[in-house]
Amino acid sequence: MEDFVQKLRQYAKTGTPAERRIAKYFTEHLNDLPFETAASVADRLDLSPMTVGRFLRSLGYQGLDSVKVEIRETVTTSPAQLQSAMSELHADAAAGKPLAVLVAEQIQALHHIYHLTAQSHWSEAVGLISTAREVSIATHARLASLANHFCQRLTQARDGVRTLDAADNRFAELFARLAVDDALLVIIDCRRFAKARLLARTARRYGYKVVLISPQQADWMADQSNVMLSLPPARAPDLDNLPPLIALLDCLSESVILQVGEEAALRRRRMMEFATVLGEAANH
């Protein structure tokens, strides 16, 4: 990481005008890079994604994802720093500071999810998602963006993944075929998803296997799914418990990517190369 920063400083002094702008932005926003893409950086600086990609390659990186990996591997928190931060957080939460209470609750929810990843039903869900001939992801329209994010992550590991929601009666697509061979339905439940139980029962009757992601307090029956992954309790009954749900979906998709292994790495490389080709074509 120090070498990366040093190169940025050098480009900030001697690079082309575009390189100096990118180097200055990266230097001043290192902590934000994990949340950026080449396209978002280009948009902020009024440059083309191809220019940002070319700059990253001149630094020795295939793209911004390579920089993110290095940041994750090199930027660490010592056990002493972590213990000090947790002690301060617990003290502030005990004093009733609202944000400290919120963060402490979210950390507790992450502990729940991490414990879940060691359970046999987690491994079973990962296996079903990895090996099914096709995977459909169904949820309420309110959570469609999360389902799409989950779907995009899974496409790094495999083909045949799609999302469905209740718009335009798209759930009916699941049952248009007379026979279903090794197909999987992932249901992301929430309190507004009144059709979830009917959808699960019907899917199983038609031969689908079902992985259910649901609030811990939901009254699902054991025979309504093959595998159930329960979220920790929501902070309030009328909330959709989004932070733990996002964390669970990220952990689940990452587990699938890790299980697929080298083929997932090759797929991701091919996808990045194709995205680069499209970006270059769009700028000609």
C-alpha atoms as a PDB file:
ATOM      1  CA  MET A   1       0.000   0.000   0.000  1.00  0.00           C
ATOM      2  CA  GLU A   2       2.875   2.398   0.750  1.00  0.00           C
ATOM      3  CA  ASP A   3       4.208   1.771  -2.764  1.00  0.00           C
ATOM      4  CA  PHE A   4       0.754   2.602  -4.196  1.00  0.00           C
ATOM      5  CA  VAL A   5       0.637   5.872  -2.264  1.00  0.00           C
ATOM      6  CA  GLN A   6       4.171   6.755  -3.324  1.00  0.00           C
ATOM      7  CA  LYS A   7       3.287   6.208  -6.992  1.00  0.00           C
ATOM      8  CA  LEU A   8       0.223   8.415  -6.572  1.00  0.00           C
ATOM      9  CA  ARG A   9       2.372  11.218  -5.161  1.00  0.00           C
ATOM     10  CA  GLN A  10       4.765  10.898  -8.073  1.00  0.00           C
ATOM     11  CA  TYR A  11       1.971  11.046 -10.656  1.00  0.00           C
ATOM     12  CA  ALA A  12       0.438  14.007  -8.828  1.00  0.00           C
ATOM     13  CA  LYS A  13       3.657  15.900  -9.575  1.00  0.00           C
ATOM     14  CA  THR A  14       4.748  14.658 -13.000  1.00  0.00           C
ATOM     15  CA  GLY A  15       1.736  13.038 -14.695  1.00  0.00           C
ATOM     16  CA  THR A  16      -0.494  14.346 -17.434  1.00  0.00           C
ATOM     17  CA  PRO A  17      -3.306  16.688 -16.345  1.00  0.00           C
ATOM     18  CA  ALA A  18      -5.753  13.766 -16.188  1.00  0.00           C
ATOM     19  CA  GLU A  19      -3.268  11.581 -14.283  1.00  0.00           C
ATOM     20  CA  ARG A  20      -2.608  14.370 -11.793  1.00  0.00           C
ATOM     21  CA  ARG A  21      -6.344  14.767 -11.154  1.00  0.00           C
ATOM     22  CA  ILE A  22      -6.854  11.033 -10.628  1.00  0.00           C
ATOM     23  CA  ALA A  23      -3.747  10.732  -8.418  1.00  0.00           C
ATOM     24  CA  LYS A  24      -4.851  13.689  -6.296  1.00  0.00           C
ATOM     25  CA  TYR A  25      -8.358  12.251  -5.901  1.00  0.00           C
ATOM     26  CA  PHE A  26      -7.053   8.790  -4.937  1.00  0.00           C
ATOM     27  CA  THR A  27      -4.583  10.287  -2.446  1.00  0.00           C
ATOM     28  CA  GLU A  28      -7.256  12.368  -0.754  1.00  0.00           C
ATOM     29  CA  HIS A  29      -9.922   9.623  -0.743  1.00  0.00           C
ATOM     30  CA  LEU A  30      -8.031   6.400   0.054  1.00  0.00           C
ATOM     31  CA  ASN A  31     -10.624   5.422   2.655  1.00  0.00           C
ATOM     32  CA  ASP A  32     -13.407   5.820   0.086  1.00  0.00           C
ATOM     33  CA  LEU A  33     -11.842   3.646  -2.633  1.00  0.00           C
ATOM     34  CA  PRO A  34     -13.462   0.390  -1.408  1.00  0.00           C
ATOM     35  CA  PHE A  35     -16.827   1.991  -2.249  1.00  0.00           C
ATOM     36  CA  GLU A  36     -15.840   3.401  -5.649  1.00  0.00           C
ATOM     37  CA  THR A  37     -15.751   2.015  -9.175  1.00  0.00           C
ATOM     38  CA  ALA A  38     -13.733   3.229 -12.152  1.00  0.00           C
ATOM     39  CA  ALA A  39     -16.981   4.620 -13.576  1.00  0.00           C
ATOM     40  CA  SER A  40     -17.861   6.526 -10.378  1.00  0.00           C
ATOM     41  CA  VAL A  41     -14.346   8.016 -10.155  1.00  0.00           C
ATOM     42  CA  ALA A  42     -14.505   8.990 -13.820  1.00  0.00           C
ATOM     43  CA  ASP A  43     -17.887  10.638 -13.254  1.00  0.00           C
ATOM     44  CA  ARG A  44     -16.592  12.626 -10.279  1.00  0.00           C
ATOM     45  CA  LEU A  45     -13.580  13.888 -12.254  1.00  0.00           C
ATOM     46  CA  ASP A  46     -15.397  14.355 -15.570  1.00  0.00           C
ATOM     47  CA  LEU A  47     -13.134  11.795 -17.260  1.00  0.00           C
ATOM     48  CA  SER A  48     -13.828   8.582 -19.150  1.00  0.00           C
ATOM     49  CA  PRO A  49     -13.715   5.189 -17.349  1.00  0.00           C
ATOM     50  CA  MET A  50     -11.126   4.182 -19.965  1.00  0.00           C
ATOM     51  CA  THR A  51      -8.816   6.990 -18.766  1.00  0.00           C
ATOM     52  CA  VAL A  52      -9.163   5.843 -15.147  1.00  0.00           C
ATOM     53  CA  GLY A  53      -8.551   2.223 -16.172  1.00  0.00           C
ATOM     54  CA  ARG A  54      -5.458   3.202 -18.167  1.00  0.00           C
ATOM     55  CA  PHE A  55      -4.097   5.098 -15.154  1.00  0.00           C
ATOM     56  CA  LEU A  56      -4.621   2.086 -12.871  1.00  0.00           C
ATOM     57  CA  ARG A  57      -2.829  -0.185 -15.358  1.00  0.00           C
ATOM     58  CA  SER A  58       0.103   2.247 -15.408  1.00  0.00           C
ATOM     59  CA  LEU A  59       0.312   1.733 -11.635  1.00  0.00           C
ATOM     60  CA  GLY A  60       0.420  -2.036 -12.136  1.00  0.00           C
ATOM     61  CA  TYR A  61      -3.229  -2.842 -11.354  1.00  0.00           C
ATOM     62  CA  GLN A  62      -5.770  -4.514 -13.633  1.00  0.00           C
ATOM     63  CA  GLY A  63      -8.518  -2.324 -12.242  1.00  0.00           C
ATOM     64  CA  LEU A  64      -9.909  -0.705  -9.113  1.00  0.00           C
ATOM     65  CA  ASP A  65     -10.907  -4.113  -7.739  1.00  0.00           C
ATOM     66  CA  SER A  66      -7.200  -5.032  -7.545  1.00  0.00           C
ATOM     67  CA  VAL A  67      -6.567  -1.904  -5.479  1.00  0.00           C
ATOM     68  CA  LYS A  68      -9.455  -2.797  -3.172  1.00  0.00           C
ATOM     69  CA  VAL A  69      -7.976  -6.261  -2.583  1.00  0.00           C
ATOM     70  CA  GLU A  70      -4.633  -4.728  -1.622  1.00  0.00           C
ATOM     71  CA  ILE A  71      -6.322  -2.257   0.708  1.00  0.00           C
ATOM     72  CA  ARG A  72      -8.163  -5.107   2.450  1.00  0.00           C
ATOM     73  CA  GLU A  73      -4.951  -7.122   2.780  1.00  0.00           C
ATOM     74  CA  THR A  74      -2.753  -4.307   4.078  1.00  0.00           C
ATOM     75  CA  VAL A  75      -5.015  -2.059   6.133  1.00  0.00           C
ATOM     76  CA  THR A  76      -5.487  -3.926   9.398  1.00  0.00           C
ATOM     77  CA  THR A  77      -6.542  -3.069  12.920  1.00  0.00           C
ATOM     78  CA  SER A  78      -4.432  -4.432  15.742  1.00  0.00           C
ATOM     79  CA  PRO A  79      -6.134  -6.483  18.500  1.00  0.00           C
ATOM     80  CA  ALA A  80      -5.325  -3.723  20.988  1.00  0.00           C
ATOM     81  CA  GLN A  81      -6.922  -1.071  18.772  1.00  0.00           C
ATOM     82  CA  LEU A  82      -9.985  -3.248  18.254  1.00  0.00           C
ATOM     83  CA  GLN A  83     -10.342  -3.938  21.977  1.00  0.00           C
ATOM     84  CA  SER A  84     -10.033  -0.226  22.764  1.00  0.00           C
ATOM     85  CA  ALA A  85     -12.657   0.680  20.165  1.00  0.00           C
ATOM     86  CA  MET A  86     -15.067  -1.985  21.449  1.00  0.00           C
ATOM     87  CA  SER A  87     -14.616  -0.856  25.054  1.00  0.00           C
ATOM     88  CA  GLU A  88     -15.377   2.718  24.065  1.00  0.00           C
ATOM     89  CA  LEU A  89     -18.422   1.581  22.092  1.00  0.00           C
ATOM     90  CA  HIS A  90     -19.819  -0.483  24.976  1.00  0.00           C
ATOM     91  CA  ALA A  91     -19.278   2.406  27.404  1.00  0.00           C
ATOM     92  CA  ASP A  92     -21.100   4.822  25.094  1.00  0.00           C
ATOM     93  CA  ALA A  93     -23.928   2.317  24.508  1.00  0.00           C
ATOM     94  CA  ALA A  94     -24.296   1.799  28.255  1.00  0.00           C
ATOM     95  CA  ALA A  95     -24.534   5.578  28.612  1.00  0.00           C
ATOM     96  CA  GLY A  96     -27.445   5.539  26.171  1.00  0.00           C
ATOM     97  CA  LYS A  97     -25.811   7.337  23.252  1.00  0.00           C
ATOM     98  CA  PRO A  98     -28.162   6.542  20.323  1.00  0.00           C
ATOM     99  CA  LEU A  99     -25.555   5.911  17.619  1.00  0.00           C
ATOM    100  CA  ALA A 100     -23.467   3.746  19.950  1.00  0.00           C
ATOM    101  CA  VAL A 101     -26.577   1.688  20.780  1.00  0.00           C
ATOM    102  CA  LEU A 102     -27.330   1.306  17.071  1.00  0.00           C
ATOM    103  CA  VAL A 103     -23.767   0.237  16.179  1.00  0.00           C
ATOM    104  CA  ALA A 104     -23.638  -2.202  19.117  1.00  0.00           C
ATOM    105  CA  GLU A 105     -26.903  -3.798  17.961  1.00  0.00           C
ATOM    106  CA  GLN A 106     -25.580  -4.136  14.416  1.00  0.00           C
ATOM    107  CA  ILE A 107     -22.352  -5.733  15.641  1.00  0.00           C
ATOM    108  CA  GLN A 108     -24.434  -8.209  17.632  1.00  0.00           C
ATOM    109  CA  ALA A 109     -26.398  -8.990  14.470  1.00  0.00           C
ATOM    110  CA  LEU A 110     -23.134  -9.605  12.588  1.00  0.00           C
ATOM    111  CA  HIS A 111     -22.079 -12.032  15.331  1.00  0.00           C
ATOM    112  CA  HIS A 112     -25.343 -13.896  14.722  1.00  0.00           C
ATOM    113  CA  ILE A 113     -24.623 -14.133  10.996  1.00  0.00           C
ATOM    114  CA  TYR A 114     -21.017 -15.210  11.531  1.00  0.00           C
ATOM    115  CA  HIS A 115     -22.211 -17.962  13.867  1.00  0.00           C
ATOM    116  CA  LEU A 116     -24.749 -18.960  11.209  1.00  0.00           C
ATOM    117  CA  THR A 117     -21.977 -19.459   8.622  1.00  0.00           C
ATOM    118  CA  ALA A 118     -20.569 -22.322  10.712  1.00  0.00           C
ATOM    119  CA  GLN A 119     -23.869 -24.244  10.793  1.00  0.00           C
ATOM    120  CA  SER A 120     -24.661 -27.248   8.621  1.00  0.00           C
ATOM    121  CA  HIS A 121     -27.723 -25.596   7.065  1.00  0.00           C
ATOM    122  CA  TRP A 122     -25.505 -22.732   5.855  1.00  0.00           C
ATOM    123  CA  SER A 123     -23.262 -25.227   4.052  1.00  0.00           C
ATOM    124  CA  GLU A 124     -26.353 -26.916   2.633  1.00  0.00           C
ATOM    125  CA  ALA A 125     -27.672 -23.596   1.283  1.00  0.00           C
ATOM    126  CA  VAL A 126     -24.283 -22.800  -0.274  1.00  0.00           C
ATOM    127  CA  GLY A 127     -24.210 -26.239  -1.904  1.00  0.00           C
ATOM    128  CA  LEU A 128     -27.712 -25.865  -3.347  1.00  0.00           C
ATOM    129  CA  ILE A 129     -26.988 -22.409  -4.768  1.00  0.00           C
ATOM    130  CA  SER A 130     -23.656 -23.555  -6.219  1.00  0.00           C
ATOM    131  CA  THR A 131     -24.910 -26.690  -7.976  1.00  0.00           C
ATOM    132  CA  ALA A 132     -28.555 -26.083  -8.970  1.00  0.00           C
ATOM    133  CA  ARG A 133     -29.155 -25.998 -12.703  1.00  0.00           C
ATOM    134  CA  GLU A 134     -30.829 -22.612 -12.308  1.00  0.00           C
ATOM    135  CA  VAL A 135     -31.432 -20.223  -9.404  1.00  0.00           C
ATOM    136  CA  SER A 136     -34.394 -17.846  -9.114  1.00  0.00           C
ATOM    137  CA  ILE A 137     -34.441 -15.181  -6.394  1.00  0.00           C
ATOM    138  CA  ALA A 138     -37.876 -13.959  -5.300  1.00  0.00           C
ATOM    139  CA  THR A 139     -38.746 -11.159  -2.923  1.00  0.00           C
ATOM    140  CA  HIS A 140     -41.075  -8.247  -2.325  1.00  0.00           C
ATOM    141  CA  ALA A 141     -40.674  -5.283  -4.676  1.00  0.00           C
ATOM    142  CA  ARG A 142     -39.391  -3.215  -1.724  1.00  0.00           C
ATOM    143  CA  LEU A 143     -36.298  -5.445  -1.532  1.00  0.00           C
ATOM    144  CA  ALA A 144     -35.792  -5.802  -5.288  1.00  0.00           C
ATOM    145  CA  SER A 145     -32.537  -3.818  -5.239  1.00  0.00           C
ATOM    146  CA  LEU A 146     -31.043  -6.173  -2.626  1.00  0.00           C
ATOM    147  CA  ALA A 147     -32.149  -9.215  -4.641  1.00  0.00           C
ATOM    148  CA  ASN A 148     -30.524  -7.715  -7.741  1.00  0.00           C
ATOM    149  CA  HIS A 149     -27.285  -7.107  -5.823  1.00  0.00           C
ATOM    150  CA  PHE A 150     -27.334 -10.709  -4.580  1.00  0.00           C
ATOM    151  CA  CYS A 151     -27.996 -11.950  -8.118  1.00  0.00           C
ATOM    152  CA  GLN A 152     -25.106  -9.918  -9.554  1.00  0.00           C
ATOM    153  CA  ARG A 153     -22.763 -11.292  -6.918  1.00  0.00           C
ATOM    154  CA  LEU A 154     -23.810 -14.865  -7.707  1.00  0.00           C
ATOM    155  CA  THR A 155     -23.157 -14.345 -11.421  1.00  0.00           C
ATOM    156  CA  GLN A 156     -19.472 -14.129 -10.497  1.00  0.00           C
ATOM    157  CA  ALA A 157     -19.705 -17.825  -9.605  1.00  0.00           C
ATOM    158  CA  ARG A 158     -22.250 -19.327 -11.983  1.00  0.00           C
ATOM    159  CA  ASP A 159     -24.698 -18.956 -14.869  1.00  0.00           C
ATOM    160  CA  GLY A 160     -28.468 -19.244 -14.705  1.00  0.00           C
ATOM    161  CA  VAL A 161     -29.324 -16.778 -11.916  1.00  0.00           C
ATOM    162  CA  ARG A 162     -32.298 -14.401 -12.180  1.00  0.00           C
ATOM    163  CA  THR A 163     -34.471 -12.263  -9.928  1.00  0.00           C
ATOM    164  CA  LEU A 164     -38.266 -12.206  -9.773  1.00  0.00           C
ATOM    165  CA  ASP A 165     -40.719  -9.973  -7.980  1.00  0.00           C
ATOM    166  CA  ALA A 166     -44.477  -9.595  -8.002  1.00  0.00           C
ATOM    167  CA  ALA A 167     -44.445  -6.946 -10.732  1.00  0.00           C
ATOM    168  CA  ASP A 168     -46.382  -8.025 -13.840  1.00  0.00           C
ATOM    169  CA  ASN A 169     -47.101 -11.412 -12.260  1.00  0.00           C
ATOM    170  CA  ARG A 170     -43.531 -12.576 -12.899  1.00  0.00           C
ATOM    171  CA  PHE A 171     -43.782 -15.260 -10.182  1.00  0.00           C
ATOM    172  CA  ALA A 172     -45.961 -17.161 -12.622  1.00  0.00           C
ATOM    173  CA  GLU A 173     -42.872 -17.735 -14.793  1.00  0.00           C
ATOM    174  CA  LEU A 174     -41.685 -20.260 -12.225  1.00  0.00           C
ATOM    175  CA  PHE A 175     -44.621 -22.542 -12.948  1.00  0.00           C
ATOM    176  CA  ALA A 176     -44.964 -22.179 -16.718  1.00  0.00           C
ATOM    177  CA  ARG A 177     -43.065 -25.431 -17.332  1.00  0.00           C
ATOM    178  CA  LEU A 178     -44.547 -28.859 -16.775  1.00  0.00           C
ATOM    179  CA  ALA A 179     -41.314 -30.283 -15.376  1.00  0.00           C
ATOM    180  CA  VAL A 180     -38.594 -28.730 -13.221  1.00  0.00           C
ATOM    181  CA  ASP A 181     -35.203 -30.383 -13.189  1.00  0.00           C
ATOM    182  CA  ASP A 182     -32.819 -29.431 -10.359  1.00  0.00           C
ATOM    183  CA  ALA A 183     -34.016 -25.823 -10.042  1.00  0.00           C
ATOM    184  CA  LEU A 184     -33.733 -23.714  -6.899  1.00  0.00           C
ATOM    185  CA  LEU A 185     -35.850 -20.859  -5.574  1.00  0.00           C
ATOM    186  CA  VAL A 186     -34.300 -18.479  -3.023  1.00  0.00           C
ATOM    187  CA  ILE A 187     -36.992 -16.529  -1.165  1.00  0.00           C
ATOM    188  CA  ILE A 188     -35.990 -13.350   0.667  1.00  0.00           C
ATOM    189  CA  ASP A 189     -38.852 -12.844   3.090  1.00  0.00           C
ATOM    190  CA  CYS A 190     -39.961  -9.625   4.787  1.00  0.00           C
ATOM    191  CA  ARG A 191     -43.039  -8.526   6.706  1.00  0.00           C
ATOM    192  CA  ARG A 192     -44.696  -7.070   3.571  1.00  0.00           C
ATOM    193  CA  PHE A 193     -44.150 -10.210   1.472  1.00  0.00           C
ATOM    194  CA  ALA A 194     -47.614 -11.710   1.987  1.00  0.00           C
ATOM    195  CA  LYS A 195     -47.212 -14.092  -0.974  1.00  0.00           C
ATOM    196  CA  ALA A 196     -44.018 -15.674   0.353  1.00  0.00           C
ATOM    197  CA  ARG A 197     -45.602 -18.724   2.008  1.00  0.00           C
ATOM    198  CA  LEU A 198     -47.910 -19.451  -0.912  1.00  0.00           C
ATOM    199  CA  LEU A 199     -44.953 -19.057  -3.276  1.00  0.00           C
ATOM    200  CA  ALA A 200     -42.819 -21.486  -1.246  1.00  0.00           C
ATOM    201  CA  ARG A 201     -45.556 -24.131  -0.997  1.00  0.00           C
ATOM    202  CA  THR A 202     -46.329 -23.906  -4.696  1.00  0.00           C
ATOM    203  CA  ALA A 203     -42.663 -24.016  -5.680  1.00  0.00           C
ATOM    204  CA  ARG A 204     -42.060 -27.172  -3.673  1.00  0.00           C
ATOM    205  CA  ARG A 205     -45.177 -28.753  -5.134  1.00  0.00           C
ATOM    206  CA  TYR A 206     -43.796 -28.065  -8.615  1.00  0.00           C
ATOM    207  CA  GLY A 207     -40.466 -29.660  -7.762  1.00  0.00           C
ATOM    208  CA  TYR A 208     -38.314 -26.665  -6.850  1.00  0.00           C
ATOM    209  CA  LYS A 209     -35.944 -26.792  -3.920  1.00  0.00           C
ATOM    210  CA  VAL A 210     -36.357 -23.750  -1.690  1.00  0.00           C
ATOM    211  CA  VAL A 211     -33.813 -21.777   0.332  1.00  0.00           C
ATOM    212  CA  LEU A 212     -35.581 -19.345   2.643  1.00  0.00           C
ATOM    213  CA  ILE A 213     -34.018 -16.213   4.161  1.00  0.00           C
ATOM    214  CA  SER A 214     -36.415 -14.934   6.788  1.00  0.00           C
ATOM    215  CA  PRO A 215     -36.739 -12.943  10.031  1.00  0.00           C
ATOM    216  CA  GLN A 216     -36.053 -15.065  13.099  1.00  0.00           C
ATOM    217  CA  GLN A 217     -39.520 -14.508  14.505  1.00  0.00           C
ATOM    218  CA  ALA A 218     -41.373 -15.492  11.306  1.00  0.00           C
ATOM    219  CA  ASP A 219     -43.850 -18.374  11.692  1.00  0.00           C
ATOM    220  CA  TRP A 220     -42.614 -20.523   8.813  1.00  0.00           C
ATOM    221  CA  MET A 221     -43.228 -24.268   8.917  1.00  0.00           C
ATOM    222  CA  ALA A 222     -40.259 -26.606   8.540  1.00  0.00           C
ATOM    223  CA  ASP A 223     -41.718 -28.314   5.449  1.00  0.00           C
ATOM    224  CA  GLN A 224     -42.107 -25.033   3.533  1.00  0.00           C
ATOM    225  CA  SER A 225     -38.425 -24.918   2.591  1.00  0.00           C
ATOM    226  CA  ASN A 226     -35.424 -27.213   2.209  1.00  0.00           C
ATOM    227  CA  VAL A 227     -33.130 -24.820   4.084  1.00  0.00           C
ATOM    228  CA  MET A 228     -33.995 -21.822   6.255  1.00  0.00           C
ATOM    229  CA  LEU A 229     -31.495 -19.091   7.185  1.00  0.00           C
ATOM    230  CA  SER A 230     -32.860 -16.872   9.965  1.00  0.00           C
ATOM    231  CA  LEU A 231     -31.977 -13.230  10.429  1.00  0.00           C
ATOM    232  CA  PRO A 232     -31.429 -11.877  13.950  1.00  0.00           C
ATOM    233  CA  PRO A 233     -34.408 -10.089  15.538  1.00  0.00           C
ATOM    234  CA  ALA A 234     -35.247  -6.673  14.107  1.00  0.00           C
ATOM    235  CA  ARG A 235     -34.737  -3.597  16.267  1.00  0.00           C
ATOM    236  CA  ALA A 236     -38.463  -2.898  15.967  1.00  0.00           C
ATOM    237  CA  PRO A 237     -41.344  -5.086  14.716  1.00  0.00           C
ATOM    238  CA  ASP A 238     -42.124  -2.726  11.837  1.00  0.00           C
ATOM    239  CA  LEU A 239     -38.578  -2.685  10.408  1.00  0.00           C
ATOM    240  CA  ASP A 240     -37.279  -4.807   7.524  1.00  0.00           C
ATOM    241  CA  ASN A 241     -33.943  -5.438   9.307  1.00  0.00           C
ATOM    242  CA  LEU A 242     -31.963  -4.337   6.275  1.00  0.00           C
ATOM    243  CA  PRO A 243     -28.371  -4.119   7.658  1.00  0.00           C
ATOM    244  CA  PRO A 244     -28.278  -7.793   8.800  1.00  0.00           C
ATOM    245  CA  LEU A 245     -30.022  -8.860   5.576  1.00  0.00           C
ATOM    246  CA  ILE A 246     -27.409  -7.101   3.439  1.00  0.00           C
ATOM    247  CA  ALA A 247     -24.625  -8.695   5.482  1.00  0.00           C
ATOM    248  CA  LEU A 248     -26.192 -12.156   5.190  1.00  0.00           C
ATOM    249  CA  LEU A 249     -26.612 -11.856   1.415  1.00  0.00           C
ATOM    250  CA  ASP A 250     -23.006 -10.701   1.012  1.00  0.00           C
ATOM    251  CA  CYS A 251     -21.688 -13.551   3.186  1.00  0.00           C
ATOM    252  CA  LEU A 252     -23.850 -16.098   1.369  1.00  0.00           C
ATOM    253  CA  SER A 253     -22.779 -14.961  -2.108  1.00  0.00           C
ATOM    254  CA  GLU A 254     -19.136 -14.854  -1.015  1.00  0.00           C
ATOM    255  CA  SER A 255     -19.434 -18.402   0.347  1.00  0.00           C
ATOM    256  CA  VAL A 256     -20.777 -19.558  -3.029  1.00  0.00           C
ATOM    257  CA  ILE A 257     -17.933 -17.789  -4.864  1.00  0.00           C
ATOM    258  CA  LEU A 258     -15.368 -19.408  -2.552  1.00  0.00           C
ATOM    259  CA  GLN A 259     -16.931 -22.847  -3.001  1.00  0.00           C
ATOM    260  CA  VAL A 260     -16.855 -22.566  -6.794  1.00  0.00           C
ATOM    261  CA  GLY A 261     -13.194 -21.583  -6.490  1.00  0.00           C
ATOM    262  CA  GLU A 262     -10.955 -21.083  -9.511  1.00  0.00           C
ATOM    263  CA  GLU A 263     -13.794 -21.073 -12.029  1.00  0.00           C
ATOM    264  CA  ALA A 264     -15.325 -18.111 -10.169  1.00  0.00           C
ATOM    265  CA  ALA A 265     -12.000 -16.262 -10.387  1.00  0.00           C
ATOM    266  CA  LEU A 266     -11.822 -16.971 -14.139  1.00  0.00           C
ATOM    267  CA  ARG A 267     -15.440 -15.835 -14.629  1.00  0.00           C
ATOM    268  CA  ARG A 268     -14.775 -12.591 -12.784  1.00  0.00           C
ATOM    269  CA  ARG A 269     -11.667 -11.951 -14.897  1.00  0.00           C
ATOM    270  CA  ARG A 270     -13.592 -12.547 -18.120  1.00  0.00           C
ATOM    271  CA  MET A 271     -16.410 -10.262 -16.955  1.00  0.00           C
ATOM    272  CA  MET A 272     -13.955  -7.470 -16.098  1.00  0.00           C
ATOM    273  CA  GLU A 273     -12.231  -7.842 -19.473  1.00  0.00           C
ATOM    274  CA  PHE A 274     -15.566  -7.656 -21.288  1.00  0.00           C
ATOM    275  CA  ALA A 275     -16.588  -4.599 -19.238  1.00  0.00           C
ATOM    276  CA  THR A 276     -13.313  -2.943 -20.257  1.00  0.00           C
ATOM    277  CA  VAL A 277     -13.991  -3.733 -23.936  1.00  0.00           C
ATOM    278  CA  LEU A 278     -17.492  -2.236 -23.681  1.00  0.00           C
ATOM    279  CA  GLY A 279     -16.123   0.845 -21.918  1.00  0.00           C
ATOM    280  CA  GLU A 280     -13.513   1.368 -24.616  1.00  0.00           C
ATOM    281  CA  ALA A 281     -16.080   0.847 -27.379  1.00  0.00           C
ATOM    282  CA  ALA A 282     -18.431   3.382 -25.813  1.00  0.00           C
ATOM    283  CA  ASN A 283     -15.711   6.036 -25.939  1.00  0.00           C
ATOM    284  CA  HIS A 284     -14.907   5.616 -29.641  1.00  0.00           C
END
